[in-house]
Amino acid sequence: MEILLKGRPIVPGEARGLALVSSKPLSFLGGVDAKTGVIIERGHDLYGVGVKDKILCFPHGRGSTVGSYVLYALAKNGVAPRAIVNSLADPVVVVGAVIANIPMVDYIDISMIKTGDLIEVDGGKGLVRICRK
């Protein structure tokens, strides 16, 4: 079964991978270790989980503008997500995705996506395809 979700294109590019989904906003500054890609924000539902090579799905970002540079550092360190899917894009996450060249889409109902789903993201067209058996 395939489900196609249409959102707003944010950062062009295509990616395919396993979804990592959170119902909570994410702060990259202080919330994600830039060297390892592991979420280190205590109390977050993804605490201790790595974002490397995942399609990271979360409602929106929060926190300092330095979070943009954390996303860039994740990419430089080879531990960045393959793509980002948001309900509503936050300027900090958008800037980080742009400078790190991470495909990004928003206006997506992330409750339709489950952790472990195989998904394809087309950041240029604003499409998210969920591939389920």
N, C-alpha and C. Protein backbone atom coordinates (compact mmCIF):
# COMPACT_ATOMS: atom_id res chain seq x y z
N MET A 1 0.85 -1.17 0.00
CA MET A 1 0.00 0.00 0.00
C MET A 1 0.89 1.24 0.00
N GLU A 2 0.53 2.20 -0.82
CA GLU A 2 1.24 3.47 -0.85
C GLU A 2 0.30 4.61 -0.48
N ILE A 3 0.82 5.54 0.28
CA ILE A 3 0.07 6.74 0.64
C ILE A 3 0.90 7.92 0.16
N LEU A 4 0.28 8.81 -0.60
CA LEU A 4 0.98 9.99 -1.10
C LEU A 4 0.44 11.22 -0.39
N LEU A 5 1.35 11.94 0.26
CA LEU A 5 0.99 13.17 0.96
C LEU A 5 1.59 14.35 0.21
N LYS A 6 0.78 15.38 0.00
CA LYS A 6 1.24 16.57 -0.70
C LYS A 6 1.37 17.71 0.29
N GLY A 7 2.55 18.28 0.34
CA GLY A 7 2.82 19.39 1.23
C GLY A 7 3.40 20.55 0.46
N ARG A 8 4.17 21.36 1.17
CA ARG A 8 4.82 22.52 0.56
C ARG A 8 6.31 22.22 0.38
N PRO A 9 6.82 22.42 -0.83
CA PRO A 9 8.26 22.23 -1.02
C PRO A 9 9.05 23.30 -0.28
N ILE A 10 10.10 22.87 0.42
CA ILE A 10 10.94 23.80 1.17
C ILE A 10 12.37 23.77 0.63
N VAL A 11 13.02 22.61 0.68
CA VAL A 11 14.38 22.46 0.15
C VAL A 11 14.34 21.34 -0.89
N PRO A 12 14.73 21.64 -2.13
CA PRO A 12 14.67 20.61 -3.17
C PRO A 12 15.66 19.48 -2.92
N GLY A 13 15.33 18.36 -3.50
CA GLY A 13 16.16 17.16 -3.39
C GLY A 13 15.27 15.97 -3.10
N GLU A 14 15.80 14.80 -3.35
CA GLU A 14 15.05 13.57 -3.13
C GLU A 14 15.79 12.68 -2.16
N ALA A 15 15.02 11.98 -1.35
CA ALA A 15 15.61 11.05 -0.38
C ALA A 15 14.64 9.90 -0.13
N ARG A 16 15.21 8.77 0.22
CA ARG A 16 14.43 7.58 0.53
C ARG A 16 15.06 6.96 1.77
N GLY A 17 14.21 6.56 2.71
CA GLY A 17 14.74 5.93 3.91
C GLY A 17 13.65 5.61 4.90
N LEU A 18 14.07 5.17 6.07
CA LEU A 18 13.12 4.83 7.13
C LEU A 18 12.77 6.08 7.93
N ALA A 19 11.49 6.20 8.24
CA ALA A 19 11.00 7.35 8.99
C ALA A 19 11.37 7.23 10.46
N LEU A 20 11.71 8.38 11.03
CA LEU A 20 11.89 8.53 12.47
C LEU A 20 10.94 9.65 12.87
N VAL A 21 9.89 9.31 13.60
CA VAL A 21 8.79 10.24 13.84
C VAL A 21 8.70 10.63 15.31
N SER A 22 8.51 11.93 15.54
CA SER A 22 8.28 12.46 16.87
C SER A 22 7.02 13.31 16.87
N SER A 23 6.28 13.24 17.95
CA SER A 23 5.11 14.10 18.11
C SER A 23 5.48 15.42 18.77
N LYS A 24 6.77 15.55 19.16
CA LYS A 24 7.22 16.74 19.88
C LYS A 24 8.11 17.61 19.00
N PRO A 25 8.06 18.93 19.20
CA PRO A 25 9.01 19.82 18.51
C PRO A 25 10.44 19.45 18.90
N LEU A 26 11.39 19.83 18.04
CA LEU A 26 12.78 19.46 18.27
C LEU A 26 13.66 20.71 18.21
N SER A 27 14.53 20.84 19.20
CA SER A 27 15.54 21.89 19.19
C SER A 27 16.87 21.25 18.83
N PHE A 28 17.50 21.74 17.78
CA PHE A 28 18.79 21.18 17.39
C PHE A 28 19.90 21.66 18.31
N LEU A 29 19.82 22.90 18.77
CA LEU A 29 20.83 23.39 19.71
C LEU A 29 20.52 22.84 21.10
N GLY A 30 21.37 21.96 21.57
CA GLY A 30 21.17 21.35 22.88
C GLY A 30 20.27 20.14 22.86
N GLY A 31 19.64 19.88 21.73
CA GLY A 31 18.74 18.74 21.63
C GLY A 31 19.30 17.59 20.81
N VAL A 32 20.30 17.90 19.96
CA VAL A 32 20.90 16.87 19.11
C VAL A 32 22.42 17.03 19.18
N ASP A 33 23.11 15.94 19.40
CA ASP A 33 24.58 15.96 19.45
C ASP A 33 25.11 16.08 18.02
N ALA A 34 25.81 17.16 17.73
CA ALA A 34 26.29 17.43 16.36
C ALA A 34 27.34 16.44 15.89
N LYS A 35 28.01 15.79 16.80
CA LYS A 35 29.06 14.84 16.41
C LYS A 35 28.51 13.45 16.12
N THR A 36 27.47 13.06 16.88
CA THR A 36 26.96 11.69 16.76
C THR A 36 25.60 11.60 16.07
N GLY A 37 24.85 12.72 16.05
CA GLY A 37 23.50 12.70 15.50
C GLY A 37 22.46 12.10 16.42
N VAL A 38 22.82 11.89 17.68
CA VAL A 38 21.90 11.31 18.66
C VAL A 38 21.12 12.43 19.36
N ILE A 39 19.83 12.21 19.55
CA ILE A 39 19.00 13.19 20.26
C ILE A 39 19.30 13.08 21.74
N ILE A 40 19.71 14.22 22.32
CA ILE A 40 20.18 14.24 23.71
C ILE A 40 19.28 15.07 24.62
N GLU A 41 18.17 15.54 24.09
CA GLU A 41 17.24 16.34 24.91
C GLU A 41 16.47 15.43 25.85
N ARG A 42 16.75 15.57 27.14
CA ARG A 42 16.06 14.74 28.14
C ARG A 42 14.56 15.00 28.08
N GLY A 43 13.79 13.93 28.16
CA GLY A 43 12.34 14.04 28.14
C GLY A 43 11.75 14.02 26.74
N HIS A 44 12.59 14.10 25.71
CA HIS A 44 12.08 14.04 24.34
C HIS A 44 11.74 12.60 24.01
N ASP A 45 10.70 12.39 23.21
CA ASP A 45 10.28 11.02 22.91
C ASP A 45 11.30 10.26 22.04
N LEU A 46 12.27 10.96 21.46
CA LEU A 46 13.32 10.30 20.68
C LEU A 46 14.67 10.33 21.40
N TYR A 47 14.67 10.60 22.69
CA TYR A 47 15.91 10.66 23.46
C TYR A 47 16.73 9.39 23.26
N GLY A 48 18.01 9.57 22.91
CA GLY A 48 18.91 8.45 22.74
C GLY A 48 18.91 7.83 21.36
N VAL A 49 18.07 8.33 20.46
CA VAL A 49 17.95 7.77 19.11
C VAL A 49 18.76 8.62 18.13
N GLY A 50 19.43 7.99 17.19
CA GLY A 50 20.20 8.69 16.18
C GLY A 50 19.36 9.07 14.97
N VAL A 51 19.67 10.21 14.38
CA VAL A 51 18.95 10.70 13.21
C VAL A 51 19.65 10.34 11.90
N LYS A 52 20.87 9.82 11.99
CA LYS A 52 21.65 9.52 10.79
C LYS A 52 20.88 8.63 9.81
N ASP A 53 20.82 9.11 8.56
CA ASP A 53 20.21 8.37 7.44
C ASP A 53 18.70 8.13 7.60
N LYS A 54 18.06 8.77 8.54
CA LYS A 54 16.61 8.64 8.70
C LYS A 54 15.89 9.78 7.98
N ILE A 55 14.61 9.59 7.74
CA ILE A 55 13.75 10.68 7.30
C ILE A 55 13.14 11.21 8.60
N LEU A 56 13.62 12.35 9.05
CA LEU A 56 13.24 12.89 10.35
C LEU A 56 11.94 13.67 10.24
N CYS A 57 10.91 13.20 10.93
CA CYS A 57 9.56 13.78 10.86
C CYS A 57 9.19 14.29 12.25
N PHE A 58 8.88 15.58 12.35
CA PHE A 58 8.50 16.18 13.62
C PHE A 58 7.66 17.41 13.34
N PRO A 59 6.85 17.86 14.31
CA PRO A 59 5.92 18.96 14.03
C PRO A 59 6.61 20.24 13.56
N HIS A 60 7.59 20.69 14.32
CA HIS A 60 8.31 21.93 13.99
C HIS A 60 9.52 22.03 14.91
N GLY A 61 10.42 22.91 14.52
CA GLY A 61 11.59 23.15 15.35
C GLY A 61 11.29 24.19 16.41
N ARG A 62 12.23 24.31 17.32
CA ARG A 62 12.16 25.36 18.33
C ARG A 62 13.58 25.64 18.79
N GLY A 63 13.75 26.82 19.36
CA GLY A 63 15.05 27.13 19.92
C GLY A 63 15.84 28.15 19.13
N SER A 64 17.09 28.24 19.48
CA SER A 64 18.01 29.25 19.01
C SER A 64 18.37 29.11 17.54
N THR A 65 18.73 30.25 16.95
CA THR A 65 19.17 30.25 15.56
C THR A 65 20.44 29.44 15.35
N VAL A 66 21.18 29.18 16.40
CA VAL A 66 22.38 28.36 16.28
C VAL A 66 22.01 26.93 15.87
N GLY A 67 20.77 26.55 16.08
CA GLY A 67 20.30 25.24 15.64
C GLY A 67 20.53 25.00 14.16
N SER A 68 20.48 26.07 13.35
CA SER A 68 20.74 25.95 11.91
C SER A 68 22.14 25.39 11.68
N TYR A 69 23.10 25.88 12.46
CA TYR A 69 24.48 25.43 12.31
C TYR A 69 24.69 24.03 12.84
N VAL A 70 23.86 23.62 13.79
CA VAL A 70 23.93 22.23 14.27
C VAL A 70 23.52 21.29 13.14
N LEU A 71 22.47 21.65 12.41
CA LEU A 71 22.07 20.83 11.25
C LEU A 71 23.20 20.76 10.23
N TYR A 72 23.86 21.89 9.98
CA TYR A 72 24.99 21.91 9.06
C TYR A 72 26.12 21.01 9.58
N ALA A 73 26.39 21.08 10.88
CA ALA A 73 27.43 20.23 11.48
C ALA A 73 27.08 18.75 11.37
N LEU A 74 25.80 18.42 11.54
CA LEU A 74 25.38 17.03 11.38
C LEU A 74 25.75 16.53 9.98
N ALA A 75 25.49 17.36 8.97
CA ALA A 75 25.81 16.98 7.59
C ALA A 75 27.32 16.85 7.40
N LYS A 76 28.07 17.81 7.91
CA LYS A 76 29.53 17.77 7.77
C LYS A 76 30.13 16.55 8.47
N ASN A 77 29.50 16.13 9.57
CA ASN A 77 29.99 14.98 10.33
C ASN A 77 29.43 13.65 9.84
N GLY A 78 28.61 13.69 8.78
CA GLY A 78 28.08 12.46 8.19
C GLY A 78 27.01 11.77 9.01
N VAL A 79 26.31 12.54 9.88
CA VAL A 79 25.30 11.94 10.74
C VAL A 79 23.94 12.64 10.61
N ALA A 80 23.72 13.32 9.51
CA ALA A 80 22.47 14.07 9.29
C ALA A 80 21.35 13.16 8.83
N PRO A 81 20.11 13.60 9.03
CA PRO A 81 18.99 12.87 8.43
C PRO A 81 19.04 13.01 6.91
N ARG A 82 18.44 12.06 6.21
CA ARG A 82 18.38 12.12 4.75
C ARG A 82 17.41 13.20 4.27
N ALA A 83 16.37 13.44 5.05
CA ALA A 83 15.37 14.47 4.73
C ALA A 83 14.65 14.86 6.01
N ILE A 84 13.95 15.99 5.94
CA ILE A 84 13.15 16.48 7.07
C ILE A 84 11.74 16.72 6.59
N VAL A 85 10.78 16.23 7.38
CA VAL A 85 9.36 16.43 7.11
C VAL A 85 8.75 17.08 8.35
N ASN A 86 8.11 18.22 8.16
CA ASN A 86 7.49 18.96 9.26
C ASN A 86 6.01 19.19 9.00
N SER A 87 5.28 19.41 10.09
CA SER A 87 3.91 19.91 9.96
C SER A 87 3.95 21.36 9.54
N LEU A 88 4.82 22.14 10.19
CA LEU A 88 4.98 23.56 9.87
C LEU A 88 6.45 23.93 10.03
N ALA A 89 7.06 24.35 8.94
CA ALA A 89 8.49 24.66 8.96
C ALA A 89 8.79 25.84 9.87
N ASP A 90 9.89 25.74 10.55
CA ASP A 90 10.42 26.78 11.43
C ASP A 90 11.63 27.39 10.71
N PRO A 91 11.80 28.71 10.76
CA PRO A 91 12.92 29.34 10.04
C PRO A 91 14.29 28.77 10.40
N VAL A 92 14.49 28.39 11.65
CA VAL A 92 15.79 27.84 12.07
C VAL A 92 16.06 26.51 11.36
N VAL A 93 15.07 25.65 11.31
CA VAL A 93 15.23 24.35 10.65
C VAL A 93 15.37 24.55 9.14
N VAL A 94 14.61 25.46 8.57
CA VAL A 94 14.71 25.72 7.13
C VAL A 94 16.12 26.16 6.75
N VAL A 95 16.65 27.13 7.48
CA VAL A 95 18.00 27.61 7.17
C VAL A 95 19.01 26.48 7.31
N GLY A 96 18.88 25.69 8.36
CA GLY A 96 19.78 24.56 8.55
C GLY A 96 19.69 23.55 7.42
N ALA A 97 18.48 23.24 6.98
CA ALA A 97 18.29 22.30 5.88
C ALA A 97 18.87 22.86 4.58
N VAL A 98 18.71 24.16 4.36
CA VAL A 98 19.25 24.79 3.15
C VAL A 98 20.77 24.69 3.14
N ILE A 99 21.43 25.13 4.22
CA ILE A 99 22.90 25.15 4.21
C ILE A 99 23.49 23.74 4.28
N ALA A 100 22.73 22.77 4.79
CA ALA A 100 23.20 21.39 4.86
C ALA A 100 22.75 20.57 3.65
N ASN A 101 21.95 21.19 2.77
CA ASN A 101 21.43 20.53 1.57
C ASN A 101 20.63 19.27 1.93
N ILE A 102 19.73 19.42 2.89
CA ILE A 102 18.85 18.33 3.32
C ILE A 102 17.47 18.59 2.74
N PRO A 103 16.93 17.70 1.89
CA PRO A 103 15.59 17.91 1.35
C PRO A 103 14.58 18.09 2.48
N MET A 104 13.63 19.01 2.24
CA MET A 104 12.67 19.32 3.30
C MET A 104 11.31 19.66 2.71
N VAL A 105 10.26 19.20 3.40
CA VAL A 105 8.87 19.43 3.04
C VAL A 105 8.11 19.77 4.32
N ASP A 106 7.12 20.67 4.21
CA ASP A 106 6.22 20.88 5.36
C ASP A 106 4.78 20.87 4.89
N TYR A 107 3.87 21.23 5.79
CA TYR A 107 2.42 21.12 5.59
C TYR A 107 2.02 19.65 5.41
N ILE A 108 2.70 18.77 6.14
CA ILE A 108 2.43 17.34 6.09
C ILE A 108 1.82 16.91 7.42
N ASP A 109 0.77 16.10 7.34
CA ASP A 109 0.17 15.51 8.54
C ASP A 109 1.07 14.37 8.98
N ILE A 110 2.00 14.66 9.89
CA ILE A 110 2.97 13.63 10.27
C ILE A 110 2.34 12.49 11.07
N SER A 111 1.11 12.65 11.54
CA SER A 111 0.45 11.55 12.24
C SER A 111 0.16 10.38 11.28
N MET A 112 0.24 10.64 9.98
CA MET A 112 0.05 9.59 8.97
C MET A 112 1.29 8.72 8.82
N ILE A 113 2.43 9.18 9.36
CA ILE A 113 3.70 8.49 9.19
C ILE A 113 4.08 7.82 10.51
N LYS A 114 4.56 6.61 10.42
CA LYS A 114 4.97 5.85 11.61
C LYS A 114 6.47 5.60 11.56
N THR A 115 7.12 5.63 12.72
CA THR A 115 8.54 5.27 12.78
C THR A 115 8.74 3.90 12.16
N GLY A 116 9.71 3.80 11.27
CA GLY A 116 10.00 2.54 10.59
C GLY A 116 9.37 2.43 9.22
N ASP A 117 8.41 3.32 8.89
CA ASP A 117 7.85 3.33 7.53
C ASP A 117 8.96 3.65 6.54
N LEU A 118 8.94 3.00 5.41
CA LEU A 118 9.82 3.37 4.31
C LEU A 118 9.15 4.53 3.58
N ILE A 119 9.82 5.66 3.50
CA ILE A 119 9.21 6.80 2.83
C ILE A 119 10.18 7.43 1.85
N GLU A 120 9.59 8.09 0.86
CA GLU A 120 10.34 8.83 -0.15
C GLU A 120 9.90 10.28 -0.06
N VAL A 121 10.88 11.18 -0.09
CA VAL A 121 10.60 12.61 0.00
C VAL A 121 11.11 13.28 -1.27
N ASP A 122 10.27 14.09 -1.87
CA ASP A 122 10.67 14.94 -2.99
C ASP A 122 10.50 16.38 -2.53
N GLY A 123 11.60 16.98 -2.07
CA GLY A 123 11.55 18.33 -1.54
C GLY A 123 11.21 19.38 -2.57
N GLY A 124 11.50 19.12 -3.84
CA GLY A 124 11.20 20.06 -4.90
C GLY A 124 9.73 20.11 -5.25
N LYS A 125 9.04 18.98 -5.09
CA LYS A 125 7.61 18.91 -5.41
C LYS A 125 6.73 18.93 -4.17
N GLY A 126 7.34 18.82 -2.99
CA GLY A 126 6.57 18.80 -1.76
C GLY A 126 5.82 17.50 -1.53
N LEU A 127 6.39 16.40 -1.98
CA LEU A 127 5.71 15.11 -1.89
C LEU A 127 6.39 14.18 -0.88
N VAL A 128 5.55 13.45 -0.15
CA VAL A 128 6.02 12.40 0.74
C VAL A 128 5.22 11.14 0.41
N ARG A 129 5.94 10.11 0.00
CA ARG A 129 5.29 8.83 -0.34
C ARG A 129 5.63 7.81 0.74
N ILE A 130 4.59 7.26 1.35
CA ILE A 130 4.76 6.24 2.39
C ILE A 130 4.54 4.89 1.72
N CYS A 131 5.50 3.99 1.86
CA CYS A 131 5.42 2.67 1.25
C CYS A 131 5.25 1.63 2.35
N ARG A 132 4.06 1.09 2.47
CA ARG A 132 3.77 0.08 3.49
C ARG A 132 3.34 -1.22 2.84
N LYS A 133 3.65 -2.32 3.52
CA LYS A 133 3.22 -3.63 3.03
C LYS A 133 1.84 -3.94 3.53
